Amino acid sequence: MSAPAALVSVWLAHEIGSPDRYTAALAPLARDADVQNAIADQVTVVILDRARPRRLSAGFVRAGVVQFQQSTAYPAVWRDVVRASQPAVQAVLTGRGGTAVQSAHGQVVLDIGQIVAELKQTLVEEQVLGASAIPEVKASYLLFSAPSLTHVQGGARWLQSAAGWLPVVSLACLIAGVLLRPAALPWAAGGVALAMLALAATMAVAHQLLRERLPASVSRPAADALWRALASTPGRWLWGTVGFCTLLLLGLLLTRLRRTLDTHGHRHPADTQAAGAAEARDQR
């Protein structure tokens, strides 16, 4: 069935390939507690490692990061960081280079240097003691690790380019098959549902593999939050299709059952007369 391939192609082209939709999908992570904790830990480590002279304490830096993350300015900064990563994330999937997100040995990292810069500026404007000692750094946060990423780049490239016609062809083939053989509608609906369930299982396995290959220093809850955000749209499409096919199958089943009951419940008059005559003969 081409339905799962069509779904993935539309997702690659219209969400991963769209800066606005990609940013909208990941923007809510600015208020996700697991992602905030992971970013705060990473920013704290980077600042303490690069600060010269070492006048900053871990408690001071992390408290400043957390305070900044709770401010009204942080979501806009996070959106800028996420939006800047979109071209490179798309490039990673298709095998081309990027800036905000880079792929090295299958590791995809997000540039969080802007968060450090905005944090320093905010704290300096608020005249927080020691804020001027925060260094300007190029920092990164690991999104996921996939050493075999290069093996799927060709397929992802093809699917993204096929988004304009693959869904249309898939739907046209499905409709044509049902029109030519209406009795095949239940089989078509069941096949699409099973294909989508297979895609759901593939996504679950991919998530688990990516999760297992993360370094021990990377927050699993934050990685899970990122996966849920990226997989949210295709997940809704997938389960929506499964639900529609299931309802269609139930409708067809109930229709067939009703016809069967009507057939047995309403006999032809001739059949009724014949049955009555036979019963009368038996009584004599």
Protein backbone atom coordinates (compact mmCIF):
# COMPACT_ATOMS: atom_id res chain seq x y z
CA MET A 1 0.00 0.00 0.00
CA SER A 2 1.28 3.47 -0.91
CA ALA A 3 -0.78 5.28 1.74
CA PRO A 4 2.01 5.29 4.41
CA ALA A 5 4.56 6.53 1.86
CA ALA A 6 2.16 9.29 0.79
CA LEU A 7 1.66 10.34 4.42
CA VAL A 8 5.41 10.50 5.09
CA SER A 9 6.03 12.43 1.87
CA VAL A 10 3.45 15.08 2.79
CA TRP A 11 4.95 15.36 6.29
CA LEU A 12 8.48 15.80 4.93
CA ALA A 13 7.40 18.39 2.37
CA HIS A 14 4.80 20.39 4.26
CA GLU A 15 6.00 20.27 7.88
CA ILE A 16 9.72 19.52 7.87
CA GLY A 17 10.00 21.51 4.64
CA SER A 18 7.96 24.46 5.92
CA PRO A 19 9.70 26.87 8.32
CA ASP A 20 6.36 28.07 9.70
CA ARG A 21 4.87 24.61 10.35
CA TYR A 22 8.15 23.21 11.66
CA THR A 23 8.52 26.11 14.08
CA ALA A 24 4.90 25.81 15.17
CA ALA A 25 5.42 22.12 15.93
CA LEU A 26 8.46 22.68 18.17
CA ALA A 27 7.63 26.08 19.64
CA PRO A 28 5.55 24.65 22.54
CA LEU A 29 8.70 22.89 23.81
CA ALA A 30 9.79 26.28 25.17
CA ARG A 31 7.47 25.58 28.12
CA ASP A 32 8.13 21.83 28.34
CA ALA A 33 9.71 21.13 31.74
CA ASP A 34 11.92 18.27 30.49
CA VAL A 35 13.29 20.29 27.58
CA GLN A 36 13.84 23.32 29.80
CA ASN A 37 15.80 21.23 32.31
CA ALA A 38 17.94 19.68 29.58
CA ILE A 39 18.70 23.05 27.98
CA ALA A 40 19.41 24.64 31.38
CA ASP A 41 21.86 21.86 32.25
CA GLN A 42 23.66 22.15 28.92
CA VAL A 43 23.85 25.96 29.00
CA THR A 44 25.15 25.87 32.58
CA VAL A 45 27.89 23.39 31.70
CA VAL A 46 28.97 25.37 28.65
CA ILE A 47 29.07 28.72 30.46
CA LEU A 48 31.04 27.34 33.41
CA ASP A 49 33.46 25.60 31.07
CA ARG A 50 34.15 28.72 28.99
CA ALA A 51 33.98 31.44 31.63
CA ARG A 52 37.28 33.26 32.19
CA PRO A 53 38.14 33.99 34.92
CA ARG A 54 36.10 31.40 36.75
CA ARG A 55 33.99 33.80 38.80
CA LEU A 56 30.64 32.13 38.25
CA SER A 57 29.09 29.42 40.39
CA ALA A 58 26.94 26.62 39.02
CA GLY A 59 24.05 27.67 41.22
CA PHE A 60 24.18 31.26 40.01
CA VAL A 61 24.33 30.30 36.34
CA ARG A 62 21.57 27.71 36.48
CA ALA A 63 19.31 29.99 38.48
CA GLY A 64 19.83 32.68 35.86
CA VAL A 65 19.02 30.25 33.04
CA VAL A 66 15.87 29.03 34.76
CA GLN A 67 14.79 32.61 35.46
CA PHE A 68 15.30 33.47 31.80
CA GLN A 69 13.34 30.39 30.68
CA GLN A 70 10.37 31.50 32.77
CA SER A 71 10.41 35.00 31.34
CA THR A 72 8.13 36.25 28.59
CA ALA A 73 11.15 36.80 26.33
CA TYR A 74 12.27 33.15 26.26
CA PRO A 75 9.55 31.68 23.98
CA ALA A 76 10.46 34.16 21.24
CA VAL A 77 14.16 33.26 21.57
CA TRP A 78 13.31 29.57 21.46
CA ARG A 79 11.19 30.09 18.33
CA ASP A 80 14.12 31.88 16.68
CA VAL A 81 16.47 29.02 17.55
CA VAL A 82 14.00 26.43 16.30
CA ARG A 83 13.23 28.35 13.12
CA ALA A 84 16.93 28.74 12.38
CA SER A 85 17.32 24.98 12.67
CA GLN A 86 14.64 24.12 10.10
CA PRO A 87 16.71 24.40 6.90
CA ALA A 88 19.49 22.33 8.40
CA VAL A 89 17.18 19.64 9.82
CA GLN A 90 15.68 19.29 6.38
CA ALA A 91 19.18 19.18 4.92
CA VAL A 92 20.19 16.43 7.36
CA LEU A 93 17.29 14.30 6.19
CA THR A 94 18.12 14.86 2.54
CA GLY A 95 21.92 14.69 2.82
CA ARG A 96 22.85 18.35 2.46
CA GLY A 97 24.68 20.57 4.98
CA GLY A 98 23.32 23.13 7.42
CA THR A 99 24.31 25.74 9.97
CA ALA A 100 22.09 25.76 13.05
CA VAL A 101 21.87 21.99 13.01
CA GLN A 102 24.83 19.94 11.88
CA SER A 103 25.21 16.22 11.34
CA ALA A 104 28.49 14.61 12.35
CA HIS A 105 28.76 10.84 12.67
CA GLY A 106 24.95 10.70 12.58
CA GLN A 107 24.52 13.12 15.49
CA VAL A 108 22.12 16.02 14.93
CA VAL A 109 22.74 19.00 17.21
CA LEU A 110 20.90 22.27 17.77
CA ASP A 111 22.84 25.51 18.08
CA ILE A 112 21.90 27.10 21.44
CA GLY A 113 24.52 29.84 21.37
CA GLN A 114 21.72 32.37 20.79
CA ILE A 115 20.11 31.33 24.08
CA VAL A 116 23.38 32.03 25.90
CA ALA A 117 23.70 35.42 24.21
CA GLU A 118 20.12 36.41 25.00
CA LEU A 119 20.53 35.18 28.58
CA LYS A 120 23.59 37.36 29.09
CA GLN A 121 21.91 40.40 27.57
CA THR A 122 18.81 39.98 29.74
CA LEU A 123 20.78 39.55 32.95
CA VAL A 124 23.06 42.48 32.14
CA GLU A 125 20.04 44.73 31.45
CA GLU A 126 18.62 43.66 34.81
CA GLN A 127 21.99 44.55 36.37
CA VAL A 128 22.45 41.08 37.83
CA LEU A 129 25.84 40.90 39.54
CA GLY A 130 28.26 38.71 37.61
CA ALA A 131 26.18 38.62 34.42
CA SER A 132 28.89 40.39 32.43
CA ALA A 133 31.21 37.45 33.12
CA ILE A 134 29.05 35.11 31.02
CA PRO A 135 31.11 34.41 27.90
CA GLU A 136 29.94 34.47 24.32
CA VAL A 137 30.06 30.84 23.24
CA LYS A 138 29.08 28.54 20.42
CA ALA A 139 27.08 25.87 22.18
CA SER A 140 25.09 22.93 20.89
CA TYR A 141 22.42 20.59 22.18
CA LEU A 142 22.11 17.06 20.82
CA LEU A 143 18.70 16.42 19.28
CA PHE A 144 19.21 12.79 18.30
CA SER A 145 21.88 10.34 17.20
CA ALA A 146 21.40 8.13 14.15
CA PRO A 147 24.63 6.68 12.72
CA SER A 148 22.69 5.06 9.88
CA LEU A 149 21.02 8.35 8.90
CA THR A 150 22.84 8.48 5.56
CA HIS A 151 21.12 5.27 4.45
CA VAL A 152 17.67 6.90 4.49
CA GLN A 153 18.58 10.28 3.03
CA GLY A 154 18.00 9.15 -0.55
CA GLY A 155 14.57 7.79 0.28
CA ALA A 156 13.63 10.90 2.26
CA ARG A 157 14.76 13.08 -0.64
CA TRP A 158 12.58 11.13 -3.08
CA LEU A 159 9.55 11.15 -0.77
CA GLN A 160 9.83 14.89 -0.21
CA SER A 161 9.98 15.56 -3.94
CA ALA A 162 7.03 13.20 -4.55
CA ALA A 163 4.69 14.99 -2.14
CA GLY A 164 3.02 16.86 -4.99
CA TRP A 165 1.83 13.74 -6.81
CA LEU A 166 2.22 10.62 -4.67
CA PRO A 167 -0.87 11.24 -2.45
CA VAL A 168 -2.97 12.05 -5.53
CA VAL A 169 -1.86 8.92 -7.38
CA SER A 170 -2.40 6.76 -4.29
CA LEU A 171 -5.93 8.08 -3.77
CA ALA A 172 -6.75 7.82 -7.50
CA CYS A 173 -5.61 4.19 -7.61
CA LEU A 174 -7.67 3.38 -4.52
CA ILE A 175 -10.83 5.03 -5.93
CA ALA A 176 -10.35 3.42 -9.34
CA GLY A 177 -9.99 -0.02 -7.79
CA VAL A 178 -13.18 0.39 -5.75
CA LEU A 179 -15.14 1.72 -8.76
CA LEU A 180 -14.02 -1.18 -10.92
CA ARG A 181 -14.80 -3.69 -8.20
CA PRO A 182 -17.12 -2.29 -5.53
CA ALA A 183 -17.01 -5.54 -3.59
CA ALA A 184 -13.34 -4.82 -2.88
CA LEU A 185 -14.15 -1.77 -0.73
CA PRO A 186 -13.89 -3.65 2.60
CA TRP A 187 -10.56 -5.16 1.53
CA ALA A 188 -9.27 -1.73 0.47
CA ALA A 189 -10.30 -0.12 3.77
CA GLY A 190 -8.80 -2.96 5.77
CA GLY A 191 -5.58 -2.83 3.74
CA VAL A 192 -5.15 0.91 4.29
CA ALA A 193 -5.79 0.51 8.02
CA LEU A 194 -3.26 -2.33 8.31
CA ALA A 195 -0.69 -0.34 6.31
CA MET A 196 -1.11 2.61 8.65
CA LEU A 197 -0.78 0.35 11.69
CA ALA A 198 2.45 -0.98 10.18
CA LEU A 199 3.69 2.61 9.82
CA ALA A 200 2.80 3.28 13.46
CA ALA A 201 4.81 0.22 14.50
CA THR A 202 7.75 1.39 12.35
CA MET A 203 7.65 4.83 13.98
CA ALA A 204 7.62 3.26 17.44
CA VAL A 205 10.64 1.09 16.60
CA ALA A 206 12.49 4.10 15.11
CA HIS A 207 11.80 6.11 18.25
CA GLN A 208 13.13 3.33 20.46
CA LEU A 209 16.29 2.90 18.35
CA LEU A 210 17.02 6.64 18.38
CA ARG A 211 16.41 6.72 22.11
CA GLU A 212 18.81 3.83 22.77
CA ARG A 213 21.58 5.44 20.73
CA LEU A 214 21.57 8.69 22.66
CA PRO A 215 24.62 9.28 24.85
CA ALA A 216 24.09 8.80 28.55
CA SER A 217 24.46 12.55 29.10
CA VAL A 218 21.38 13.35 27.00
CA SER A 219 18.03 13.63 28.75
CA ARG A 220 15.68 10.85 27.66
CA PRO A 221 12.53 12.75 28.74
CA ALA A 222 13.62 15.75 26.65
CA ALA A 223 14.30 13.49 23.66
CA ASP A 224 10.86 11.94 24.08
CA ALA A 225 9.27 15.40 24.14
CA LEU A 226 11.09 16.32 20.93
CA TRP A 227 9.95 13.09 19.25
CA ARG A 228 6.33 13.67 20.29
CA ALA A 229 6.44 17.19 18.87
CA LEU A 230 7.88 16.08 15.52
CA ALA A 231 5.63 13.02 15.24
CA SER A 232 2.46 14.76 16.38
CA THR A 233 1.18 15.74 12.93
CA PRO A 234 1.84 12.44 11.12
CA GLY A 235 0.47 10.67 14.18
CA ARG A 236 -2.82 12.54 13.92
CA TRP A 237 -3.04 11.80 10.21
CA LEU A 238 -2.17 8.16 10.77
CA TRP A 239 -4.66 7.46 13.54
CA GLY A 240 -7.30 9.56 11.84
CA THR A 241 -6.98 7.35 8.76
CA VAL A 242 -7.12 4.19 10.87
CA GLY A 243 -10.22 5.50 12.64
CA PHE A 244 -11.94 6.40 9.36
CA CYS A 245 -11.20 2.99 7.84
CA THR A 246 -12.41 1.25 10.99
CA LEU A 247 -15.70 3.18 10.97
CA LEU A 248 -16.11 2.43 7.27
CA LEU A 249 -15.61 -1.28 7.88
CA LEU A 250 -18.10 -1.24 10.75
CA GLY A 251 -20.61 0.58 8.55
CA LEU A 252 -20.20 -1.96 5.77
CA LEU A 253 -20.51 -4.82 8.25
CA LEU A 254 -23.70 -3.40 9.78
CA THR A 255 -25.18 -2.78 6.33
CA ARG A 256 -24.49 -6.35 5.27
CA LEU A 257 -25.90 -7.69 8.54
CA ARG A 258 -29.07 -5.62 8.11
CA ARG A 259 -29.56 -6.88 4.57
CA THR A 260 -29.12 -10.44 5.76
CA LEU A 261 -31.72 -9.96 8.48
CA ASP A 262 -34.12 -8.29 6.04
CA THR A 263 -33.72 -11.16 3.61
CA HIS A 264 -34.58 -13.77 6.23
CA GLY A 265 -37.27 -11.66 7.90
CA HIS A 266 -39.33 -10.85 4.79
CA ARG A 267 -40.18 -13.98 2.77
CA HIS A 268 -41.74 -13.94 -0.68
CA PRO A 269 -45.59 -14.49 -0.63
CA ALA A 270 -45.30 -17.64 -2.73
CA ASP A 271 -42.82 -19.06 -0.25
CA THR A 272 -45.19 -18.24 2.61
CA GLN A 273 -48.15 -19.97 0.88
CA ALA A 274 -46.06 -23.05 0.15
CA ALA A 275 -44.92 -23.24 3.73
CA GLY A 276 -48.56 -22.93 4.94
CA ALA A 277 -49.76 -25.71 2.62
CA ALA A 278 -47.01 -28.02 3.77
CA GLU A 279 -47.88 -27.34 7.40
CA ALA A 280 -51.58 -28.12 6.70
CA ARG A 281 -50.67 -31.43 5.06
CA ASP A 282 -48.58 -32.39 8.05
CA GLN A 283 -51.50 -31.71 10.39
CA ARG A 284 -53.80 -33.99 8.36
